[in-house]
N, C-alpha and C. Protein backbone atom coordinates (compact mmCIF):
# COMPACT_ATOMS: atom_id res chain seq x y z
N MET A 1 -11.29 -55.00 -26.89
CA MET A 1 -10.98 -54.13 -25.81
C MET A 1 -10.67 -52.73 -26.29
N ALA A 2 -11.38 -51.76 -25.94
CA ALA A 2 -11.13 -50.39 -26.43
C ALA A 2 -9.94 -49.84 -25.71
N SER A 3 -9.14 -49.05 -26.44
CA SER A 3 -7.91 -48.45 -25.88
C SER A 3 -8.05 -46.91 -25.84
N GLU A 4 -7.59 -46.34 -24.74
CA GLU A 4 -7.60 -44.89 -24.63
C GLU A 4 -6.16 -44.41 -24.33
N ILE A 5 -6.01 -43.05 -24.49
CA ILE A 5 -4.75 -42.50 -24.18
C ILE A 5 -4.85 -41.80 -22.87
N HIS A 6 -3.93 -42.14 -21.99
CA HIS A 6 -3.85 -41.48 -20.64
C HIS A 6 -2.62 -40.53 -20.67
N HIS A 7 -2.80 -39.24 -20.25
CA HIS A 7 -1.76 -38.34 -20.08
C HIS A 7 -1.24 -38.28 -18.68
N TRP A 8 0.01 -38.60 -18.53
CA TRP A 8 0.64 -38.50 -17.24
C TRP A 8 0.76 -37.01 -16.81
N CYS A 9 1.05 -36.21 -17.78
CA CYS A 9 1.28 -34.74 -17.44
C CYS A 9 -0.07 -34.07 -17.68
N SER A 10 -0.14 -32.82 -17.29
CA SER A 10 -1.40 -32.05 -17.46
C SER A 10 -1.52 -31.55 -18.86
N GLU A 11 -0.55 -31.72 -19.66
CA GLU A 11 -0.49 -31.19 -21.10
C GLU A 11 -1.34 -32.15 -22.01
N ALA A 12 -2.66 -32.16 -21.95
CA ALA A 12 -3.48 -33.04 -22.73
C ALA A 12 -3.72 -32.55 -24.18
N SER A 13 -3.41 -31.28 -24.38
CA SER A 13 -3.74 -30.64 -25.76
C SER A 13 -2.69 -30.96 -26.78
N GLY A 14 -1.54 -31.47 -26.45
CA GLY A 14 -0.49 -31.64 -27.42
C GLY A 14 -0.82 -32.65 -28.50
N VAL A 15 -0.43 -32.26 -29.73
CA VAL A 15 -0.70 -33.21 -30.84
C VAL A 15 0.54 -34.21 -30.97
N VAL A 16 1.71 -33.75 -30.57
CA VAL A 16 2.95 -34.59 -30.71
C VAL A 16 2.85 -35.63 -29.57
N ILE A 17 3.06 -36.87 -29.98
CA ILE A 17 3.08 -37.92 -28.98
C ILE A 17 4.32 -37.79 -28.20
N CYS A 18 4.11 -37.66 -26.84
CA CYS A 18 5.14 -37.49 -25.91
C CYS A 18 5.31 -38.69 -25.00
N SER A 19 6.37 -38.69 -24.27
CA SER A 19 6.59 -39.79 -23.33
C SER A 19 5.63 -39.85 -22.15
N HIS A 20 4.80 -38.75 -22.09
CA HIS A 20 3.84 -38.69 -20.97
C HIS A 20 2.49 -39.28 -21.34
N MET A 21 2.44 -39.95 -22.44
CA MET A 21 1.15 -40.60 -22.88
C MET A 21 1.27 -42.15 -22.74
N LEU A 22 0.17 -42.73 -22.43
CA LEU A 22 0.16 -44.20 -22.19
C LEU A 22 -1.13 -44.76 -22.81
N ALA A 23 -1.00 -45.81 -23.57
CA ALA A 23 -2.20 -46.40 -24.05
C ALA A 23 -2.72 -47.39 -23.05
N VAL A 24 -3.96 -47.24 -22.64
CA VAL A 24 -4.52 -48.08 -21.53
C VAL A 24 -5.93 -48.49 -21.97
N SER A 25 -6.48 -49.45 -21.30
CA SER A 25 -7.83 -49.91 -21.54
C SER A 25 -8.82 -48.85 -20.88
N SER A 26 -10.03 -48.87 -21.29
CA SER A 26 -10.99 -47.98 -20.72
C SER A 26 -11.16 -48.18 -19.26
N ARG A 27 -11.10 -49.39 -18.81
CA ARG A 27 -11.15 -49.65 -17.31
C ARG A 27 -9.96 -49.11 -16.61
N GLY A 28 -8.73 -49.35 -17.20
CA GLY A 28 -7.51 -48.85 -16.71
C GLY A 28 -7.44 -47.36 -16.55
N HIS A 29 -8.01 -46.68 -17.67
CA HIS A 29 -8.04 -45.23 -17.67
C HIS A 29 -8.97 -44.71 -16.55
N GLU A 30 -10.12 -45.36 -16.40
CA GLU A 30 -11.00 -44.98 -15.33
C GLU A 30 -10.32 -45.14 -13.94
N LYS A 31 -9.52 -46.14 -13.79
CA LYS A 31 -8.82 -46.27 -12.48
C LYS A 31 -7.79 -45.16 -12.24
N TYR A 32 -7.18 -44.70 -13.28
CA TYR A 32 -6.27 -43.54 -13.15
C TYR A 32 -6.97 -42.25 -12.65
N HIS A 33 -8.16 -42.05 -13.17
CA HIS A 33 -8.80 -40.77 -12.88
C HIS A 33 -9.92 -40.83 -11.80
N HIS A 34 -10.43 -41.98 -11.58
CA HIS A 34 -11.58 -42.10 -10.59
C HIS A 34 -11.16 -43.04 -9.46
N TYR A 35 -10.04 -43.02 -9.00
CA TYR A 35 -9.60 -43.89 -7.95
C TYR A 35 -10.22 -43.39 -6.62
N GLU A 36 -10.82 -44.29 -5.85
CA GLU A 36 -11.42 -43.86 -4.56
C GLU A 36 -10.36 -43.94 -3.48
N GLY A 37 -10.19 -42.93 -2.75
CA GLY A 37 -9.29 -42.97 -1.64
C GLY A 37 -7.85 -42.56 -2.05
N PRO A 38 -7.05 -42.17 -1.12
CA PRO A 38 -5.74 -41.81 -1.52
C PRO A 38 -4.78 -42.97 -1.97
N LYS A 39 -3.91 -42.78 -2.95
CA LYS A 39 -3.01 -43.76 -3.31
C LYS A 39 -1.74 -43.79 -2.43
N SER A 40 -1.33 -44.95 -2.10
CA SER A 40 -0.09 -44.99 -1.37
C SER A 40 1.17 -44.63 -2.22
N GLY A 41 2.19 -44.29 -1.60
CA GLY A 41 3.36 -43.95 -2.32
C GLY A 41 3.88 -45.07 -3.19
N ALA A 42 3.77 -46.29 -2.61
CA ALA A 42 4.17 -47.53 -3.29
C ALA A 42 3.37 -47.75 -4.58
N GLU A 43 2.08 -47.48 -4.44
CA GLU A 43 1.22 -47.73 -5.61
C GLU A 43 1.46 -46.73 -6.72
N ARG A 44 1.64 -45.45 -6.26
CA ARG A 44 1.98 -44.36 -7.31
C ARG A 44 3.30 -44.73 -7.96
N TYR A 45 4.31 -45.21 -7.20
CA TYR A 45 5.60 -45.58 -7.79
C TYR A 45 5.37 -46.73 -8.72
N ARG A 46 4.64 -47.69 -8.40
CA ARG A 46 4.31 -48.86 -9.25
C ARG A 46 3.65 -48.50 -10.55
N LEU A 47 2.71 -47.57 -10.47
CA LEU A 47 2.01 -47.14 -11.70
C LEU A 47 2.91 -46.32 -12.55
N ARG A 48 3.77 -45.48 -11.94
CA ARG A 48 4.73 -44.68 -12.76
C ARG A 48 5.70 -45.48 -13.43
N ARG A 49 6.26 -46.53 -12.73
CA ARG A 49 7.27 -47.42 -13.34
C ARG A 49 6.63 -48.28 -14.41
N ALA A 50 5.35 -48.68 -14.25
CA ALA A 50 4.63 -49.49 -15.29
C ALA A 50 4.54 -48.73 -16.62
N ALA A 51 4.43 -47.41 -16.47
CA ALA A 51 4.27 -46.62 -17.75
C ALA A 51 5.57 -46.31 -18.45
N MET A 52 6.67 -46.69 -17.82
CA MET A 52 8.01 -46.34 -18.41
C MET A 52 8.47 -47.36 -19.38
N THR A 53 9.27 -46.91 -20.37
CA THR A 53 9.94 -47.79 -21.29
C THR A 53 11.16 -48.37 -20.64
N PRO A 54 11.79 -49.44 -21.08
CA PRO A 54 13.02 -49.92 -20.48
C PRO A 54 14.08 -48.95 -20.41
N GLU A 55 14.23 -48.06 -21.43
CA GLU A 55 15.22 -46.99 -21.45
C GLU A 55 15.04 -45.99 -20.36
N GLN A 56 13.72 -45.61 -20.14
CA GLN A 56 13.33 -44.65 -19.08
C GLN A 56 13.64 -45.26 -17.70
N ILE A 57 13.37 -46.53 -17.52
CA ILE A 57 13.66 -47.20 -16.26
C ILE A 57 15.14 -47.23 -16.03
N ALA A 58 15.89 -47.55 -17.00
CA ALA A 58 17.47 -47.48 -16.90
C ALA A 58 17.97 -46.13 -16.47
N ASP A 59 17.36 -45.15 -17.12
CA ASP A 59 17.80 -43.72 -16.81
C ASP A 59 17.44 -43.39 -15.32
N SER A 60 16.21 -43.80 -14.95
CA SER A 60 15.68 -43.56 -13.59
C SER A 60 16.61 -44.24 -12.56
N ASN A 61 16.98 -45.48 -12.85
CA ASN A 61 17.87 -46.22 -11.90
C ASN A 61 19.19 -45.59 -11.82
N ALA A 62 19.78 -45.20 -12.92
CA ALA A 62 21.05 -44.52 -12.99
C ALA A 62 21.01 -43.20 -12.20
N HIS A 63 19.93 -42.47 -12.34
CA HIS A 63 19.79 -41.23 -11.62
C HIS A 63 19.76 -41.53 -10.13
N ALA A 64 18.89 -42.52 -9.69
CA ALA A 64 18.81 -42.83 -8.24
C ALA A 64 20.07 -43.30 -7.71
N ASN A 65 20.85 -44.07 -8.50
CA ASN A 65 22.16 -44.54 -7.97
C ASN A 65 23.17 -43.37 -7.79
N ALA A 66 23.06 -42.40 -8.75
CA ALA A 66 24.03 -41.22 -8.64
C ALA A 66 23.64 -40.40 -7.45
N LEU A 67 22.35 -40.25 -7.14
CA LEU A 67 21.83 -39.49 -6.01
C LEU A 67 22.33 -40.22 -4.71
N ALA A 68 22.19 -41.52 -4.64
CA ALA A 68 22.66 -42.22 -3.49
C ALA A 68 24.08 -42.12 -3.23
N ARG A 69 24.93 -42.15 -4.29
CA ARG A 69 26.37 -42.00 -4.10
C ARG A 69 26.69 -40.58 -3.57
N MET A 70 26.01 -39.60 -4.06
CA MET A 70 26.25 -38.21 -3.56
C MET A 70 25.82 -38.02 -2.15
N ARG A 71 24.74 -38.72 -1.79
CA ARG A 71 24.29 -38.63 -0.42
C ARG A 71 25.22 -39.30 0.53
N ARG A 72 25.77 -40.44 0.10
CA ARG A 72 26.79 -41.11 0.95
C ARG A 72 28.05 -40.30 1.12
N LYS A 73 28.47 -39.65 0.04
CA LYS A 73 29.60 -38.70 0.11
C LYS A 73 29.38 -37.60 1.06
N ARG A 74 28.20 -36.92 0.91
CA ARG A 74 27.84 -35.75 1.62
C ARG A 74 27.75 -35.97 3.14
N ASP A 75 26.99 -37.02 3.51
CA ASP A 75 26.74 -37.23 4.93
C ASP A 75 26.80 -38.77 5.26
N PRO A 76 28.02 -39.24 5.45
CA PRO A 76 28.15 -40.65 5.73
C PRO A 76 27.53 -41.09 7.01
N GLU A 77 27.57 -40.16 8.01
CA GLU A 77 27.06 -40.48 9.30
C GLU A 77 25.51 -40.70 9.31
N ARG A 78 24.87 -39.88 8.51
CA ARG A 78 23.37 -40.08 8.42
C ARG A 78 23.13 -41.35 7.70
N VAL A 79 23.81 -41.64 6.63
CA VAL A 79 23.70 -42.90 5.93
C VAL A 79 23.80 -44.11 6.88
N ARG A 80 24.82 -44.04 7.74
CA ARG A 80 25.12 -45.13 8.67
C ARG A 80 23.88 -45.25 9.70
N ALA A 81 23.45 -44.02 10.12
CA ALA A 81 22.25 -44.00 10.99
C ALA A 81 21.07 -44.62 10.41
N LEU A 82 20.77 -44.30 9.19
CA LEU A 82 19.74 -44.93 8.44
C LEU A 82 19.87 -46.35 8.32
N ASP A 83 21.01 -46.91 8.07
CA ASP A 83 21.31 -48.33 7.93
C ASP A 83 21.01 -49.01 9.27
N ARG A 84 21.50 -48.37 10.41
CA ARG A 84 21.23 -48.92 11.65
C ARG A 84 19.71 -48.99 12.01
N ALA A 85 19.01 -47.95 11.60
CA ALA A 85 17.57 -47.94 11.84
C ALA A 85 16.84 -49.06 10.98
N LYS A 86 17.37 -49.20 9.79
CA LYS A 86 16.80 -50.24 8.95
C LYS A 86 17.03 -51.65 9.62
N TYR A 87 18.27 -51.83 10.14
CA TYR A 87 18.58 -53.08 10.83
C TYR A 87 17.72 -53.26 12.07
N ALA A 88 17.42 -52.21 12.82
CA ALA A 88 16.57 -52.24 13.99
C ALA A 88 15.20 -52.64 13.64
N ARG A 89 14.71 -52.14 12.45
CA ARG A 89 13.31 -52.55 12.12
C ARG A 89 13.35 -54.00 11.69
N ARG A 90 14.38 -54.49 11.08
CA ARG A 90 14.49 -55.86 10.74
C ARG A 90 14.42 -56.81 12.01
N VAL A 91 15.18 -56.35 12.98
CA VAL A 91 15.26 -57.12 14.30
C VAL A 91 13.90 -57.02 15.00
N ALA A 92 13.20 -55.90 14.88
CA ALA A 92 11.92 -55.78 15.48
C ALA A 92 10.86 -56.77 14.82
N ARG A 93 11.04 -56.96 13.50
CA ARG A 93 10.13 -57.92 12.77
C ARG A 93 10.41 -59.35 13.27
N ASP A 94 11.66 -59.73 13.62
CA ASP A 94 11.99 -61.06 13.91
C ASP A 94 12.97 -61.06 15.13
N PRO A 95 12.46 -60.75 16.31
CA PRO A 95 13.39 -60.63 17.47
C PRO A 95 13.93 -62.01 17.87
N GLU A 96 13.24 -63.04 17.68
CA GLU A 96 13.73 -64.42 18.07
C GLU A 96 14.94 -64.73 17.17
N GLY A 97 14.87 -64.45 15.92
CA GLY A 97 15.99 -64.72 15.00
C GLY A 97 17.22 -63.88 15.45
N TYR A 98 16.94 -62.65 15.85
CA TYR A 98 18.06 -61.78 16.33
C TYR A 98 18.70 -62.35 17.59
N ARG A 99 17.81 -62.74 18.53
CA ARG A 99 18.35 -63.27 19.81
C ARG A 99 19.10 -64.54 19.61
N ALA A 100 18.67 -65.42 18.70
CA ALA A 100 19.39 -66.65 18.48
C ALA A 100 20.77 -66.35 17.82
N LYS A 101 20.82 -65.36 16.99
CA LYS A 101 22.13 -65.02 16.38
C LYS A 101 23.07 -64.48 17.51
N ARG A 102 22.54 -63.57 18.38
CA ARG A 102 23.38 -63.05 19.47
C ARG A 102 23.77 -64.11 20.34
N ARG A 103 22.95 -65.13 20.71
CA ARG A 103 23.33 -66.17 21.60
C ARG A 103 24.44 -67.01 20.95
N ALA A 104 24.39 -67.30 19.68
CA ALA A 104 25.41 -67.99 19.00
C ALA A 104 26.74 -67.33 18.99
N ILE A 105 26.68 -65.99 18.83
CA ILE A 105 27.95 -65.22 18.88
C ILE A 105 28.51 -65.22 20.31
N GLU A 106 27.64 -65.10 21.35
CA GLU A 106 28.12 -65.09 22.72
C GLU A 106 28.82 -66.47 23.05
N VAL A 107 28.20 -67.59 22.62
CA VAL A 107 28.70 -68.88 22.89
C VAL A 107 30.14 -69.01 22.16
N ARG A 108 30.21 -68.61 20.98
CA ARG A 108 31.61 -68.74 20.33
C ARG A 108 32.60 -67.90 21.09
N CYS A 109 32.22 -66.68 21.50
CA CYS A 109 33.11 -65.83 22.24
C CYS A 109 33.52 -66.49 23.59
N HIS A 110 32.59 -67.08 24.27
CA HIS A 110 32.82 -67.74 25.50
C HIS A 110 33.79 -68.89 25.33
N GLN A 111 33.57 -69.74 24.24
CA GLN A 111 34.38 -70.88 23.94
C GLN A 111 35.80 -70.43 23.74
N LYS A 112 36.00 -69.39 22.91
CA LYS A 112 37.31 -68.86 22.66
C LYS A 112 38.04 -68.41 23.84
N LYS A 113 37.34 -67.72 24.75
CA LYS A 113 38.02 -67.34 26.02
C LYS A 113 38.41 -68.37 26.91
N LEU A 114 37.59 -69.37 27.05
CA LEU A 114 37.87 -70.65 27.86
C LEU A 114 39.02 -71.39 27.31
N ALA A 115 39.00 -71.55 25.91
CA ALA A 115 40.06 -72.20 25.32
C ALA A 115 41.45 -71.45 25.43
N LYS A 116 41.37 -70.18 25.39
CA LYS A 116 42.54 -69.38 25.49
C LYS A 116 43.20 -69.49 26.91
N HIS A 117 42.32 -69.35 27.95
CA HIS A 117 42.85 -69.40 29.31
C HIS A 117 43.05 -70.79 29.87
N THR A 118 42.31 -71.77 29.48
CA THR A 118 42.48 -73.08 30.13
C THR A 118 43.03 -74.14 29.18
N GLY A 119 42.96 -73.86 27.92
CA GLY A 119 43.39 -74.82 26.94
C GLY A 119 42.34 -75.96 26.73
N VAL A 120 41.17 -75.86 27.38
CA VAL A 120 40.16 -76.85 27.24
C VAL A 120 39.02 -76.24 26.34
N VAL A 121 38.71 -77.04 25.36
CA VAL A 121 37.53 -76.64 24.51
C VAL A 121 36.25 -77.23 25.05
N VAL A 122 35.31 -76.36 25.40
CA VAL A 122 34.02 -76.77 25.96
C VAL A 122 32.94 -76.58 24.93
N ASP A 123 32.07 -77.60 24.84
CA ASP A 123 30.97 -77.46 23.87
C ASP A 123 29.73 -76.88 24.57
N PHE A 124 29.35 -75.68 24.15
CA PHE A 124 28.15 -75.00 24.71
C PHE A 124 26.99 -75.02 23.68
N SER A 125 26.92 -76.06 22.91
CA SER A 125 25.89 -76.00 21.87
C SER A 125 24.48 -76.17 22.49
N ASP A 126 24.36 -76.69 23.63
CA ASP A 126 23.02 -76.82 24.30
C ASP A 126 22.77 -75.70 25.22
N TRP A 127 23.61 -74.73 25.32
CA TRP A 127 23.50 -73.62 26.26
C TRP A 127 22.42 -72.65 25.90
């Protein structure tokens, strides 16, 4: 299998081996340069991460975590809104699971109210 050097940066004339170089097969190198159609963000992310060393990945993760902490400090309301939107998307993917969870919570609430006012514990498990 022939190996070629792929440059992540546009600086292909450098003689010094830099972190922007990657040894790839001829077929892999062709994929980097002659990909048909637009690459998705997820695919670009995966390719960029695949070319990183473990140290570079750790640095990238630390940087991302620091940015997230600063974002939470700067605008906690926006972060909460994003979390709520994320939860709404999850519910949209599985509405039956969400409804079942809500029904279970309502049943427990109803049981507690009845027990508090009447002293009678009623089983609503088939409700």
